PDB file of N, CA and C in Angstrom:
ATOM      1  N   MET A   1      87.788 131.730 164.402  1.00  0.00           N
ATOM      2  CA  MET A   1      88.341 130.462 164.852  1.00  0.00           C
ATOM      3  C   MET A   1      87.300 129.731 165.694  1.00  0.00           C
ATOM      4  N   ALA A   2      87.104 128.486 165.425  1.00  0.00           N
ATOM      5  CA  ALA A   2      86.089 127.700 166.119  1.00  0.00           C
ATOM      6  C   ALA A   2      86.601 127.238 167.477  1.00  0.00           C
ATOM      7  N   SER A   3      85.695 127.197 168.449  1.00  0.00           N
ATOM      8  CA  SER A   3      86.065 126.708 169.778  1.00  0.00           C
ATOM      9  C   SER A   3      86.169 125.187 169.735  1.00  0.00           C
ATOM     10  N   GLY A   4      86.776 124.630 170.776  1.00  0.00           N
ATOM     11  CA  GLY A   4      86.934 123.182 170.847  1.00  0.00           C
ATOM     12  C   GLY A   4      85.617 122.446 170.852  1.00  0.00           C
ATOM     13  N   TRP A   5      84.652 122.982 171.597  1.00  0.00           N
ATOM     14  CA  TRP A   5      83.336 122.342 171.666  1.00  0.00           C
ATOM     15  C   TRP A   5      82.651 122.362 170.307  1.00  0.00           C
ATOM     16  N   HIS A   6      82.800 123.478 169.592  1.00  0.00           N
ATOM     17  CA  HIS A   6      82.185 123.617 168.278  1.00  0.00           C
ATOM     18  C   HIS A   6      82.766 122.587 167.298  1.00  0.00           C
ATOM     19  N   VAL A   7      84.061 122.369 167.376  1.00  0.00           N
ATOM     20  CA  VAL A   7      84.711 121.391 166.492  1.00  0.00           C
ATOM     21  C   VAL A   7      84.206 119.983 166.805  1.00  0.00           C
ATOM     22  N   LEU A   8      84.041 119.666 168.087  1.00  0.00           N
ATOM     23  CA  LEU A   8      83.510 118.352 168.460  1.00  0.00           C
ATOM     24  C   LEU A   8      82.091 118.170 167.924  1.00  0.00           C
ATOM     25  N   GLN A   9      81.289 119.201 167.990  1.00  0.00           N
ATOM     26  CA  GLN A   9      79.922 119.119 167.488  1.00  0.00           C
ATOM     27  C   GLN A   9      79.888 118.970 165.976  1.00  0.00           C
ATOM     28  N   GLU A  10      80.772 119.666 165.284  1.00  0.00           N
ATOM     29  CA  GLU A  10      80.796 119.561 163.822  1.00  0.00           C
ATOM     30  C   GLU A  10      81.163 118.154 163.379  1.00  0.00           C
ATOM     31  N   CYS A  11      82.087 117.548 164.059  1.00  0.00           N
ATOM     32  CA  CYS A  11      82.512 116.195 163.688  1.00  0.00           C
ATOM     33  C   CYS A  11      81.421 115.178 164.004  1.00  0.00           C
ATOM     34  N   GLY A  12      80.794 115.304 165.157  1.00  0.00           N
ATOM     35  CA  GLY A  12      79.744 114.361 165.539  1.00  0.00           C
ATOM     36  C   GLY A  12      80.288 113.162 166.290  1.00  0.00           C
ATOM     37  N   TRP A  13      79.640 112.034 166.127  1.00  0.00           N
ATOM     38  CA  TRP A  13      80.004 110.851 166.908  1.00  0.00           C
ATOM     39  C   TRP A  13      81.431 110.371 166.717  1.00  0.00           C
ATOM     40  N   PRO A  14      82.080 110.521 165.547  1.00  0.00           N
ATOM     41  CA  PRO A  14      83.475 110.068 165.469  1.00  0.00           C
ATOM     42  C   PRO A  14      84.405 110.817 166.431  1.00  0.00           C
ATOM     43  N   SER A  15      84.066 112.066 166.775  1.00  0.00           N
ATOM     44  CA  SER A  15      84.918 112.793 167.709  1.00  0.00           C
ATOM     45  C   SER A  15      84.906 112.131 169.079  1.00  0.00           C
ATOM     46  N   TRP A  16      83.762 111.616 169.490  1.00  0.00           N
ATOM     47  CA  TRP A  16      83.678 110.975 170.803  1.00  0.00           C
ATOM     48  C   TRP A  16      84.417 109.636 170.809  1.00  0.00           C
ATOM     49  N   ILE A  17      84.394 108.929 169.700  1.00  0.00           N
ATOM     50  CA  ILE A  17      85.164 107.686 169.612  1.00  0.00           C
ATOM     51  C   ILE A  17      86.662 108.002 169.613  1.00  0.00           C
ATOM     52  N   SER A  18      87.063 109.081 168.944  1.00  0.00           N
ATOM     53  CA  SER A  18      88.467 109.501 168.972  1.00  0.00           C
ATOM     54  C   SER A  18      88.909 109.822 170.396  1.00  0.00           C
ATOM     55  N   ILE A  19      88.064 110.525 171.133  1.00  0.00           N
ATOM     56  CA  ILE A  19      88.407 110.873 172.513  1.00  0.00           C
ATOM     57  C   ILE A  19      88.513 109.615 173.373  1.00  0.00           C
ATOM     58  N   LEU A  20      87.596 108.677 173.217  1.00  0.00           N
ATOM     59  CA  LEU A  20      87.654 107.430 173.973  1.00  0.00           C
ATOM     60  C   LEU A  20      88.927 106.653 173.642  1.00  0.00           C
ATOM     61  N   ALA A  21      89.246 106.546 172.357  1.00  0.00           N
ATOM     62  CA  ALA A  21      90.468 105.853 171.953  1.00  0.00           C
ATOM     63  C   ALA A  21      91.700 106.572 172.504  1.00  0.00           C
ATOM     64  N   GLY A  22      91.664 107.894 172.512  1.00  0.00           N
ATOM     65  CA  GLY A  22      92.780 108.655 173.059  1.00  0.00           C
ATOM     66  C   GLY A  22      92.968 108.437 174.543  1.00  0.00           C
ATOM     67  N   LEU A  23      91.862 108.364 175.287  1.00  0.00           N
ATOM     68  CA  LEU A  23      91.957 108.107 176.725  1.00  0.00           C
ATOM     69  C   LEU A  23      92.516 106.712 177.007  1.00  0.00           C
ATOM     70  N   LEU A  24      92.055 105.725 176.246  1.00  0.00           N
ATOM     71  CA  LEU A  24      92.584 104.369 176.407  1.00  0.00           C
ATOM     72  C   LEU A  24      94.072 104.321 176.051  1.00  0.00           C
ATOM     73  N   ALA A  25      94.440 104.989 174.979  1.00  0.00           N
ATOM     74  CA  ALA A  25      95.844 105.018 174.566  1.00  0.00           C
ATOM     75  C   ALA A  25      96.701 105.744 175.595  1.00  0.00           C
ATOM     76  N   PHE A  26      96.180 106.821 176.165  1.00  0.00           N
ATOM     77  CA  PHE A  26      96.913 107.554 177.197  1.00  0.00           C
ATOM     78  C   PHE A  26      97.169 106.654 178.402  1.00  0.00           C
ATOM     79  N   ALA A  27      96.136 105.936 178.847  1.00  0.00           N
ATOM     80  CA  ALA A  27      96.289 105.050 180.003  1.00  0.00           C
ATOM     81  C   ALA A  27      97.300 103.944 179.729  1.00  0.00           C
ATOM     82  N   LEU A  28      97.201 103.318 178.558  1.00  0.00           N
ATOM     83  CA  LEU A  28      98.136 102.250 178.217  1.00  0.00           C
ATOM     84  C   LEU A  28      99.559 102.792 178.074  1.00  0.00           C
ATOM     85  N   SER A  29      99.705 103.968 177.499  1.00  0.00           N
ATOM     86  CA  SER A  29     101.028 104.565 177.340  1.00  0.00           C
ATOM     87  C   SER A  29     101.642 104.914 178.694  1.00  0.00           C
ATOM     88  N   ALA A  30     100.818 105.405 179.615  1.00  0.00           N
ATOM     89  CA  ALA A  30     101.319 105.727 180.947  1.00  0.00           C
ATOM     90  C   ALA A  30     101.765 104.470 181.687  1.00  0.00           C
ATOM     91  N   VAL A  31     100.991 103.399 181.569  1.00  0.00           N
ATOM     92  CA  VAL A  31     101.374 102.132 182.192  1.00  0.00           C
ATOM     93  C   VAL A  31     102.660 101.599 181.566  1.00  0.00           C
ATOM     94  N   ALA A  32     102.755 101.690 180.255  1.00  0.00           N
ATOM     95  CA  ALA A  32     103.966 101.220 179.568  1.00  0.00           C
ATOM     96  C   ALA A  32     105.187 102.015 180.008  1.00  0.00           C
ATOM     97  N   LEU A  33     105.041 103.318 180.168  1.00  0.00           N
ATOM     98  CA  LEU A  33     106.159 104.136 180.617  1.00  0.00           C
ATOM     99  C   LEU A  33     106.566 103.774 182.042  1.00  0.00           C
ATOM    100  N   CYS A  34     105.590 103.572 182.906  1.00  0.00           N
ATOM    101  CA  CYS A  34     105.902 103.163 184.283  1.00  0.00           C
ATOM    102  C   CYS A  34     106.627 101.824 184.311  1.00  0.00           C
ATOM    103  N   LEU A  35     106.154 100.870 183.552  1.00  0.00           N
ATOM    104  CA  LEU A  35     106.805  99.557 183.506  1.00  0.00           C
ATOM    105  C   LEU A  35     108.207  99.647 182.921  1.00  0.00           C
ATOM    106  N   ALA A  36     108.381 100.497 181.930  1.00  0.00           N
ATOM    107  CA  ALA A  36     109.710 100.667 181.340  1.00  0.00           C
ATOM    108  C   ALA A  36     110.672 101.277 182.356  1.00  0.00           C
ATOM    109  N   LEU A  37     110.208 102.248 183.118  1.00  0.00           N
ATOM    110  CA  LEU A  37     111.064 102.870 184.125  1.00  0.00           C
ATOM    111  C   LEU A  37     111.375 101.923 185.278  1.00  0.00           C
ATOM    112  N   LEU A  38     110.483 100.962 185.512  1.00  0.00           N
ATOM    113  CA  LEU A  38     110.720  99.949 186.541  1.00  0.00           C
ATOM    114  C   LEU A  38     111.502  98.751 185.995  1.00  0.00           C
ATOM    115  N   ARG A  39     111.848  98.807 184.727  1.00  0.00           N
ATOM    116  CA  ARG A  39     112.644  97.770 184.054  1.00  0.00           C
ATOM    117  C   ARG A  39     111.959  96.403 184.070  1.00  0.00           C
ATOM    118  N   ARG A  40     110.680  96.387 183.784  1.00  0.00           N
ATOM    119  CA  ARG A  40     109.929  95.131 183.712  1.00  0.00           C
ATOM    120  C   ARG A  40     110.164  94.467 182.363  1.00  0.00           C
ATOM    121  N   GLN A  41     110.017  93.147 182.340  1.00  0.00           N
ATOM    122  CA  GLN A  41     110.317  92.391 181.128  1.00  0.00           C
ATOM    123  C   GLN A  41     109.387  92.708 179.961  1.00  0.00           C
ATOM    124  N   ARG A  42     108.134  92.829 180.197  1.00  0.00           N
ATOM    125  CA  ARG A  42     107.156  93.018 179.126  1.00  0.00           C
ATOM    126  C   ARG A  42     106.974  94.483 178.729  1.00  0.00           C
ATOM    127  N   ALA A  43     107.825  95.352 179.199  1.00  0.00           N
ATOM    128  CA  ALA A  43     107.672  96.787 178.924  1.00  0.00           C
ATOM    129  C   ALA A  43     107.807  97.099 177.436  1.00  0.00           C
ATOM    130  N   ILE A  44     108.701  96.408 176.752  1.00  0.00           N
ATOM    131  CA  ILE A  44     108.900  96.679 175.323  1.00  0.00           C
ATOM    132  C   ILE A  44     107.640  96.308 174.535  1.00  0.00           C
ATOM    133  N   LEU A  45     107.089  95.143 174.818  1.00  0.00           N
ATOM    134  CA  LEU A  45     105.870  94.719 174.125  1.00  0.00           C
ATOM    135  C   LEU A  45     104.715  95.673 174.420  1.00  0.00           C
ATOM    136  N   LEU A  46     104.563  96.043 175.680  1.00  0.00           N
ATOM    137  CA  LEU A  46     103.484  96.955 176.046  1.00  0.00           C
ATOM    138  C   LEU A  46     103.689  98.336 175.416  1.00  0.00           C
ATOM    139  N   ALA A  47     104.934  98.782 175.321  1.00  0.00           N
ATOM    140  CA  ALA A  47     105.207 100.084 174.696  1.00  0.00           C
ATOM    141  C   ALA A  47     104.859 100.051 173.207  1.00  0.00           C
ATOM    142  N   TRP A  48     105.141  98.949 172.528  1.00  0.00           N
ATOM    143  CA  TRP A  48     104.765  98.834 171.113  1.00  0.00           C
ATOM    144  C   TRP A  48     103.247  98.823 170.957  1.00  0.00           C
ATOM    145  N   LEU A  49     102.556  98.122 171.851  1.00  0.00           N
ATOM    146  CA  LEU A  49     101.093  98.121 171.809  1.00  0.00           C
ATOM    147  C   LEU A  49     100.533  99.522 172.072  1.00  0.00           C
ATOM    148  N   ALA A  50     101.140 100.223 173.020  1.00  0.00           N
ATOM    149  CA  ALA A  50     100.700 101.591 173.313  1.00  0.00           C
ATOM    150  C   ALA A  50     100.934 102.498 172.115  1.00  0.00           C
ATOM    151  N   LEU A  51     102.043 102.307 171.432  1.00  0.00           N
ATOM    152  CA  LEU A  51     102.334 103.105 170.239  1.00  0.00           C
ATOM    153  C   LEU A  51     101.284 102.860 169.158  1.00  0.00           C
ATOM    154  N   ALA A  52     100.942 101.611 168.944  1.00  0.00           N
ATOM    155  CA  ALA A  52      99.921 101.287 167.937  1.00  0.00           C
ATOM    156  C   ALA A  52      98.562 101.868 168.325  1.00  0.00           C
ATOM    157  N   LEU A  53      98.185 101.729 169.593  1.00  0.00           N
ATOM    158  CA  LEU A  53      96.891 102.243 170.033  1.00  0.00           C
ATOM    159  C   LEU A  53      96.856 103.770 170.023  1.00  0.00           C
ATOM    160  N   SER A  54      98.001 104.393 170.237  1.00  0.00           N
ATOM    161  CA  SER A  54      98.016 105.859 170.274  1.00  0.00           C
ATOM    162  C   SER A  54      97.744 106.481 168.901  1.00  0.00           C
ATOM    163  N   LEU A  55      97.897 105.709 167.857  1.00  0.00           N
ATOM    164  CA  LEU A  55      97.600 106.208 166.508  1.00  0.00           C
ATOM    165  C   LEU A  55      96.127 106.046 166.135  1.00  0.00           C
ATOM    166  N   SER A  56      95.385 105.315 166.942  1.00  0.00           N
ATOM    167  CA  SER A  56      93.979 105.053 166.603  1.00  0.00           C
ATOM    168  C   SER A  56      93.086 106.291 166.582  1.00  0.00           C
ATOM    169  N   PRO A  57      93.263 107.298 167.451  1.00  0.00           N
ATOM    170  CA  PRO A  57      92.395 108.478 167.320  1.00  0.00           C
ATOM    171  C   PRO A  57      92.533 109.181 165.969  1.00  0.00           C
ATOM    172  N   SER A  58      93.739 109.211 165.429  1.00  0.00           N
ATOM    173  CA  SER A  58      93.916 109.808 164.097  1.00  0.00           C
ATOM    174  C   SER A  58      93.212 108.983 163.030  1.00  0.00           C
ATOM    175  N   GLY A  59      93.271 107.675 163.174  1.00  0.00           N
ATOM    176  CA  GLY A  59      92.569 106.811 162.229  1.00  0.00           C
ATOM    177  C   GLY A  59      91.065 106.983 162.291  1.00  0.00           C
ATOM    178  N   VAL A  60      90.538 107.113 163.503  1.00  0.00           N
ATOM    179  CA  VAL A  60      89.100 107.348 163.661  1.00  0.00           C
ATOM    180  C   VAL A  60      88.736 108.710 163.070  1.00  0.00           C
ATOM    181  N   GLY A  61      89.595 109.705 163.289  1.00  0.00           N
ATOM    182  CA  GLY A  61      89.344 111.036 162.721  1.00  0.00           C
ATOM    183  C   GLY A  61      89.328 111.009 161.204  1.00  0.00           C
ATOM    184  N   ALA A  62      90.254 110.270 160.618  1.00  0.00           N
ATOM    185  CA  ALA A  62      90.277 110.156 159.156  1.00  0.00           C
ATOM    186  C   ALA A  62      89.029 109.439 158.651  1.00  0.00           C
ATOM    187  N   GLY A  63      88.627 108.394 159.368  1.00  0.00           N
ATOM    188  CA  GLY A  63      87.398 107.696 158.992  1.00  0.00           C
ATOM    189  C   GLY A  63      86.176 108.589 159.116  1.00  0.00           C
ATOM    190  N   GLY A  64      86.129 109.404 160.161  1.00  0.00           N
ATOM    191  CA  GLY A  64      85.035 110.349 160.332  1.00  0.00           C
ATOM    192  C   GLY A  64      84.989 111.375 159.219  1.00  0.00           C
ATOM    193  N   MET A  65      86.161 111.795 158.753  1.00  0.00           N
ATOM    194  CA  MET A  65      86.209 112.744 157.646  1.00  0.00           C
ATOM    195  C   MET A  65      85.642 112.118 156.374  1.00  0.00           C
ATOM    196  N   VAL A  66      85.997 110.879 156.121  1.00  0.00           N
ATOM    197  CA  VAL A  66      85.484 110.188 154.940  1.00  0.00           C
ATOM    198  C   VAL A  66      83.960 110.040 155.026  1.00  0.00           C
ATOM    199  N   ILE A  67      83.466 109.689 156.200  1.00  0.00           N
ATOM    200  CA  ILE A  67      82.017 109.552 156.384  1.00  0.00           C
ATOM    201  C   ILE A  67      81.314 110.888 156.162  1.00  0.00           C
ATOM    202  N   GLY A  68      81.874 111.951 156.734  1.00  0.00           N
ATOM    203  CA  GLY A  68      81.274 113.278 156.574  1.00  0.00           C
ATOM    204  C   GLY A  68      81.262 113.749 155.133  1.00  0.00           C
ATOM    205  N   ARG A  69      82.356 113.493 154.429  1.00  0.00           N
ATOM    206  CA  ARG A  69      82.411 113.896 153.020  1.00  0.00           C
ATOM    207  C   ARG A  69      81.424 113.091 152.184  1.00  0.00           C
ATOM    208  N   SER A  70      81.287 111.799 152.479  1.00  0.00           N
ATOM    209  CA  SER A  70      80.354 110.983 151.693  1.00  0.00           C
ATOM    210  C   SER A  70      78.905 111.404 151.958  1.00  0.00           C
ATOM    211  N   ARG A  71      78.605 111.779 153.193  1.00  0.00           N
ATOM    212  CA  ARG A  71      77.252 112.273 153.484  1.00  0.00           C
ATOM    213  C   ARG A  71      76.982 113.573 152.729  1.00  0.00           C
ATOM    214  N   THR A  72      77.975 114.442 152.708  1.00  0.00           N
ATOM    215  CA  THR A  72      77.830 115.707 151.983  1.00  0.00           C
ATOM    216  C   THR A  72      77.623 115.442 150.501  1.00  0.00           C
ATOM    217  N   ASP A  73      78.428 114.560 149.941  1.00  0.00           N
ATOM    218  CA  ASP A  73      78.292 114.240 148.516  1.00  0.00           C
ATOM    219  C   ASP A  73      76.931 113.626 148.208  1.00  0.00           C
ATOM    220  N   ARG A  74      76.437 112.796 149.123  1.00  0.00           N
ATOM    221  CA  ARG A  74      75.133 112.170 148.912  1.00  0.00           C
ATOM    222  C   ARG A  74      74.027 113.228 148.879  1.00  0.00           C
ATOM    223  N   ILE A  75      74.133 114.223 149.750  1.00  0.00           N
ATOM    224  CA  ILE A  75      73.134 115.296 149.764  1.00  0.00           C
ATOM    225  C   ILE A  75      73.223 116.141 148.499  1.00  0.00           C
ATOM    226  N   VAL A  76      74.450 116.492 148.126  1.00  0.00           N
ATOM    227  CA  VAL A  76      74.633 117.349 146.947  1.00  0.00           C
ATOM    228  C   VAL A  76      74.227 116.614 145.676  1.00  0.00           C
ATOM    229  N   ASP A  77      74.614 115.357 145.557  1.00  0.00           N
ATOM    230  CA  ASP A  77      74.298 114.595 144.350  1.00  0.00           C
ATOM    231  C   ASP A  77      72.844 114.136 144.304  1.00  0.00           C
ATOM    232  N   GLY A  78      72.195 114.093 145.455  1.00  0.00           N
ATOM    233  CA  GLY A  78      70.814 113.618 145.509  1.00  0.00           C
ATOM    234  C   GLY A  78      69.784 114.640 145.083  1.00  0.00           C
ATOM    235  N   GLY A  79      70.209 115.866 144.926  1.00  0.00           N
ATOM    236  CA  GLY A  79      69.274 116.894 144.493  1.00  0.00           C
ATOM    237  C   GLY A  79      68.265 117.298 145.550  1.00  0.00           C
ATOM    238  N   PHE A  80      68.630 117.121 146.822  1.00  0.00           N
ATOM    239  CA  PHE A  80      67.715 117.449 147.907  1.00  0.00           C
ATOM    240  C   PHE A  80      67.722 118.932 148.252  1.00  0.00           C
ATOM    241  N   ALA A  81      68.628 119.677 147.677  1.00  0.00           N
ATOM    242  CA  ALA A  81      68.775 121.091 148.035  1.00  0.00           C
ATOM    243  C   ALA A  81      68.559 121.963 146.808  1.00  0.00           C
ATOM    244  N   ASP A  82      68.431 123.229 147.073  1.00  0.00           N
ATOM    245  CA  ASP A  82      68.300 124.228 146.015  1.00  0.00           C
ATOM    246  C   ASP A  82      69.586 124.229 145.187  1.00  0.00           C
ATOM    247  N   PRO A  83      69.499 124.105 143.870  1.00  0.00           N
ATOM    248  CA  PRO A  83      70.700 124.044 143.033  1.00  0.00           C
ATOM    249  C   PRO A  83      71.649 125.234 143.215  1.00  0.00           C
ATOM    250  N   SER A  84      71.132 126.388 143.564  1.00  0.00           N
ATOM    251  CA  SER A  84      72.008 127.549 143.750  1.00  0.00           C
ATOM    252  C   SER A  84      72.825 127.451 145.037  1.00  0.00           C
ATOM    253  N   ALA A  85      72.436 126.573 145.960  1.00  0.00           N
ATOM    254  CA  ALA A  85      73.140 126.460 147.238  1.00  0.00           C
ATOM    255  C   ALA A  85      74.058 125.248 147.306  1.00  0.00           C
ATOM    256  N   LEU A  86      74.130 124.463 146.248  1.00  0.00           N
ATOM    257  CA  LEU A  86      74.880 123.208 146.304  1.00  0.00           C
ATOM    258  C   LEU A  86      76.369 123.415 146.602  1.00  0.00           C
ATOM    259  N   GLU A  87      76.993 124.394 145.965  1.00  0.00           N
ATOM    260  CA  GLU A  87      78.421 124.612 146.201  1.00  0.00           C
ATOM    261  C   GLU A  87      78.685 125.051 147.638  1.00  0.00           C
ATOM    262  N   ARG A  88      77.831 125.887 148.176  1.00  0.00           N
ATOM    263  CA  ARG A  88      77.978 126.327 149.563  1.00  0.00           C
ATOM    264  C   ARG A  88      77.779 125.156 150.522  1.00  0.00           C
ATOM    265  N   ILE A  89      76.835 124.278 150.215  1.00  0.00           N
ATOM    266  CA  ILE A  89      76.593 123.097 151.048  1.00  0.00           C
ATOM    267  C   ILE A  89      77.798 122.173 151.016  1.00  0.00           C
ATOM    268  N   ARG A  90      78.354 121.962 149.834  1.00  0.00           N
ATOM    269  CA  ARG A  90      79.528 121.089 149.718  1.00  0.00           C
ATOM    270  C   ARG A  90      80.708 121.683 150.499  1.00  0.00           C
ATOM    271  N   GLU A  91      80.936 122.970 150.352  1.00  0.00           N
ATOM    272  CA  GLU A  91      82.046 123.617 151.052  1.00  0.00           C
ATOM    273  C   GLU A  91      81.887 123.511 152.573  1.00  0.00           C
ATOM    274  N   GLU A  92      80.701 123.781 153.058  1.00  0.00           N
ATOM    275  CA  GLU A  92      80.433 123.709 154.499  1.00  0.00           C
ATOM    276  C   GLU A  92      80.523 122.269 155.000  1.00  0.00           C
ATOM    277  N   GLY A  93      80.006 121.329 154.239  1.00  0.00           N
ATOM    278  CA  GLY A  93      80.064 119.921 154.629  1.00  0.00           C
ATOM    279  C   GLY A  93      81.483 119.393 154.687  1.00  0.00           C
ATOM    280  N   TYR A  94      82.307 119.767 153.717  1.00  0.00           N
ATOM    281  CA  TYR A  94      83.702 119.336 153.727  1.00  0.00           C
ATOM    282  C   TYR A  94      84.471 119.970 154.877  1.00  0.00           C
ATOM    283  N   ARG A  95      84.151 121.231 155.198  1.00  0.00           N
ATOM    284  CA  ARG A  95      84.819 121.888 156.322  1.00  0.00           C
ATOM    285  C   ARG A  95      84.462 121.182 157.630  1.00  0.00           C
ATOM    286  N   GLU A  96      83.204 120.847 157.790  1.00  0.00           N
ATOM    287  CA  GLU A  96      82.789 120.132 158.991  1.00  0.00           C
ATOM    288  C   GLU A  96      83.412 118.742 159.045  1.00  0.00           C
ATOM    289  N   ALA A  97      83.547 118.086 157.919  1.00  0.00           N
ATOM    290  CA  ALA A  97      84.170 116.761 157.883  1.00  0.00           C
ATOM    291  C   ALA A  97      85.639 116.838 158.284  1.00  0.00           C
ATOM    292  N   ARG A  98      86.316 117.916 157.887  1.00  0.00           N
ATOM    293  CA  ARG A  98      87.735 118.083 158.271  1.00  0.00           C
ATOM    294  C   ARG A  98      87.901 118.248 159.775  1.00  0.00           C
ATOM    295  N   SER A  99      86.865 118.670 160.461  1.00  0.00           N
ATOM    296  CA  SER A  99      86.965 118.828 161.907  1.00  0.00           C
ATOM    297  C   SER A  99      87.220 117.482 162.591  1.00  0.00           C
ATOM    298  N   CYS A 100      86.769 116.395 162.004  1.00  0.00           N
ATOM    299  CA  CYS A 100      87.056 115.066 162.556  1.00  0.00           C
ATOM    300  C   CYS A 100      88.550 114.777 162.529  1.00  0.00           C
ATOM    301  N   LEU A 101      89.198 115.179 161.466  1.00  0.00           N
ATOM    302  CA  LEU A 101      90.640 114.989 161.361  1.00  0.00           C
ATOM    303  C   LEU A 101      91.359 115.839 162.401  1.00  0.00           C
ATOM    304  N   ALA A 102      90.878 117.051 162.630  1.00  0.00           N
ATOM    305  CA  ALA A 102      91.481 117.922 163.637  1.00  0.00           C
ATOM    306  C   ALA A 102      91.344 117.328 165.038  1.00  0.00           C
ATOM    307  N   VAL A 103      90.176 116.794 165.344  1.00  0.00           N
ATOM    308  CA  VAL A 103      89.959 116.188 166.657  1.00  0.00           C
ATOM    309  C   VAL A 103      90.875 114.974 166.825  1.00  0.00           C
ATOM    310  N   GLY A 104      90.889 114.099 165.838  1.00  0.00           N
ATOM    311  CA  GLY A 104      91.696 112.882 165.931  1.00  0.00           C
ATOM    312  C   GLY A 104      93.179 113.162 166.074  1.00  0.00           C
ATOM    313  N   SER A 105      93.689 114.098 165.303  1.00  0.00           N
ATOM    314  CA  SER A 105      95.124 114.386 165.388  1.00  0.00           C
ATOM    315  C   SER A 105      95.476 115.089 166.690  1.00  0.00           C
ATOM    316  N   THR A 106      94.591 115.926 167.205  1.00  0.00           N
ATOM    317  CA  THR A 106      94.855 116.596 168.477  1.00  0.00           C
ATOM    318  C   THR A 106      94.871 115.597 169.630  1.00  0.00           C
ATOM    319  N   VAL A 107      93.926 114.679 169.615  1.00  0.00           N
ATOM    320  CA  VAL A 107      93.837 113.692 170.687  1.00  0.00           C
ATOM    321  C   VAL A 107      94.999 112.703 170.626  1.00  0.00           C
ATOM    322  N   THR A 108      95.601 112.534 169.475  1.00  0.00           N
ATOM    323  CA  THR A 108      96.697 111.582 169.306  1.00  0.00           C
ATOM    324  C   THR A 108      98.006 112.055 169.933  1.00  0.00           C
ATOM    325  N   VAL A 109      98.216 113.351 170.022  1.00  0.00           N
ATOM    326  CA  VAL A 109      99.537 113.892 170.367  1.00  0.00           C
ATOM    327  C   VAL A 109     100.069 113.384 171.702  1.00  0.00           C
ATOM    328  N   LEU A 110      99.345 113.569 172.780  1.00  0.00           N
ATOM    329  CA  LEU A 110      99.862 113.212 174.098  1.00  0.00           C
ATOM    330  C   LEU A 110     100.087 111.710 174.266  1.00  0.00           C
ATOM    331  N   PRO A 111      99.132 110.847 173.904  1.00  0.00           N
ATOM    332  CA  PRO A 111      99.412 109.406 174.017  1.00  0.00           C
ATOM    333  C   PRO A 111     100.589 108.964 173.148  1.00  0.00           C
ATOM    334  N   LEU A 112     100.731 109.580 171.985  1.00  0.00           N
ATOM    335  CA  LEU A 112     101.851 109.226 171.113  1.00  0.00           C
ATOM    336  C   LEU A 112     103.183 109.598 171.747  1.00  0.00           C
ATOM    337  N   LEU A 113     103.259 110.783 172.329  1.00  0.00           N
ATOM    338  CA  LEU A 113     104.495 111.193 173.003  1.00  0.00           C
ATOM    339  C   LEU A 113     104.823 110.271 174.175  1.00  0.00           C
ATOM    340  N   LEU A 114     103.819 109.914 174.946  1.00  0.00           N
ATOM    341  CA  LEU A 114     104.045 108.987 176.060  1.00  0.00           C
ATOM    342  C   LEU A 114     104.488 107.612 175.562  1.00  0.00           C
ATOM    343  N   ALA A 115     103.866 107.125 174.503  1.00  0.00           N
ATOM    344  CA  ALA A 115     104.214 105.805 173.976  1.00  0.00           C
ATOM    345  C   ALA A 115     105.637 105.784 173.419  1.00  0.00           C
ATOM    346  N   VAL A 116     106.013 106.832 172.716  1.00  0.00           N
ATOM    347  CA  VAL A 116     107.384 106.907 172.196  1.00  0.00           C
ATOM    348  C   VAL A 116     108.383 106.986 173.351  1.00  0.00           C
ATOM    349  N   SER A 117     108.055 107.745 174.379  1.00  0.00           N
ATOM    350  CA  SER A 117     108.914 107.831 175.562  1.00  0.00           C
ATOM    351  C   SER A 117     109.025 106.474 176.252  1.00  0.00           C
ATOM    352  N   ALA A 118     107.916 105.769 176.341  1.00  0.00           N
ATOM    353  CA  ALA A 118     107.924 104.436 176.952  1.00  0.00           C
ATOM    354  C   ALA A 118     108.777 103.473 176.141  1.00  0.00           C
ATOM    355  N   LEU A 119     108.659 103.546 174.845  1.00  0.00           N
ATOM    356  CA  LEU A 119     109.447 102.670 173.982  1.00  0.00           C
ATOM    357  C   LEU A 119     110.937 102.976 174.111  1.00  0.00           C
ATOM    358  N   ALA A 120     111.278 104.252 174.109  1.00  0.00           N
ATOM    359  CA  ALA A 120     112.692 104.635 174.260  1.00  0.00           C
ATOM    360  C   ALA A 120     113.224 104.200 175.616  1.00  0.00           C
ATOM    361  N   ALA A 121     112.449 104.409 176.665  1.00  0.00           N
ATOM    362  CA  ALA A 121     112.889 104.015 178.003  1.00  0.00           C
ATOM    363  C   ALA A 121     112.994 102.497 178.120  1.00  0.00           C
ATOM    364  N   ALA A 122     112.062 101.782 177.517  1.00  0.00           N
ATOM    365  CA  ALA A 122     112.086 100.317 177.593  1.00  0.00           C
ATOM    366  C   ALA A 122     113.346  99.750 176.939  1.00  0.00           C
ATOM    367  N   TYR A 123     113.720 100.304 175.800  1.00  0.00           N
ATOM    368  CA  TYR A 123     114.938  99.823 175.142  1.00  0.00           C
ATOM    369  C   TYR A 123     116.192 100.303 175.855  1.00  0.00           C
ATOM    370  N   ALA A 124     116.183 101.527 176.351  1.00  0.00           N
ATOM    371  CA  ALA A 124     117.370 102.060 177.022  1.00  0.00           C
ATOM    372  C   ALA A 124     117.632 101.400 178.363  1.00  0.00           C
ATOM    373  N   LEU A 125     116.577 101.031 179.068  1.00  0.00           N
ATOM    374  CA  LEU A 125     116.726 100.500 180.416  1.00  0.00           C
ATOM    375  C   LEU A 125     116.534  98.983 180.518  1.00  0.00           C
ATOM    376  N   ARG A 126     116.436  98.301 179.395  1.00  0.00           N
ATOM    377  CA  ARG A 126     116.168  96.863 179.461  1.00  0.00           C
ATOM    378  C   ARG A 126     117.323  96.127 180.104  1.00  0.00           C
ATOM    379  N   ARG A 127     116.970  95.043 180.715  1.00  0.00           N
ATOM    380  CA  ARG A 127     117.970  94.211 181.395  1.00  0.00           C
ATOM    381  C   ARG A 127     118.696  93.377 180.366  1.00  0.00           C
ATOM    382  N   LYS A 128     119.946  93.218 180.615  1.00  0.00           N
ATOM    383  CA  LYS A 128     120.770  92.393 179.713  1.00  0.00           C
ATOM    384  C   LYS A 128     120.628  90.922 180.047  1.00  0.00           C
TER     385      LYS A 128
END
């Protein structure tokens, strides 16, 4: 089983963008939840924005996976490697590309839960 740091390294730069998007989504979701609990008027709009932003790390992870797979395919199809190693290279490259999806989906969980909670609280506690 790969460690967390190893997975981040395998994914490369998309993992860091996923983490940044996750931190921004977490902050916005926390603010939205606080505003919803304080029964502020714009809490519903902010909660919807937080929900949308909380899905962005998964999107970045999926994009990173596509980039990683295309790089692997370019290497395999370009004939830059020993023909006997091509299948092993493709398998390893695809596995590393999937690590981007793992990072993105992991980073999405907490902001998504906060955003859904903020949205539920905003609708439940809204002023009539």
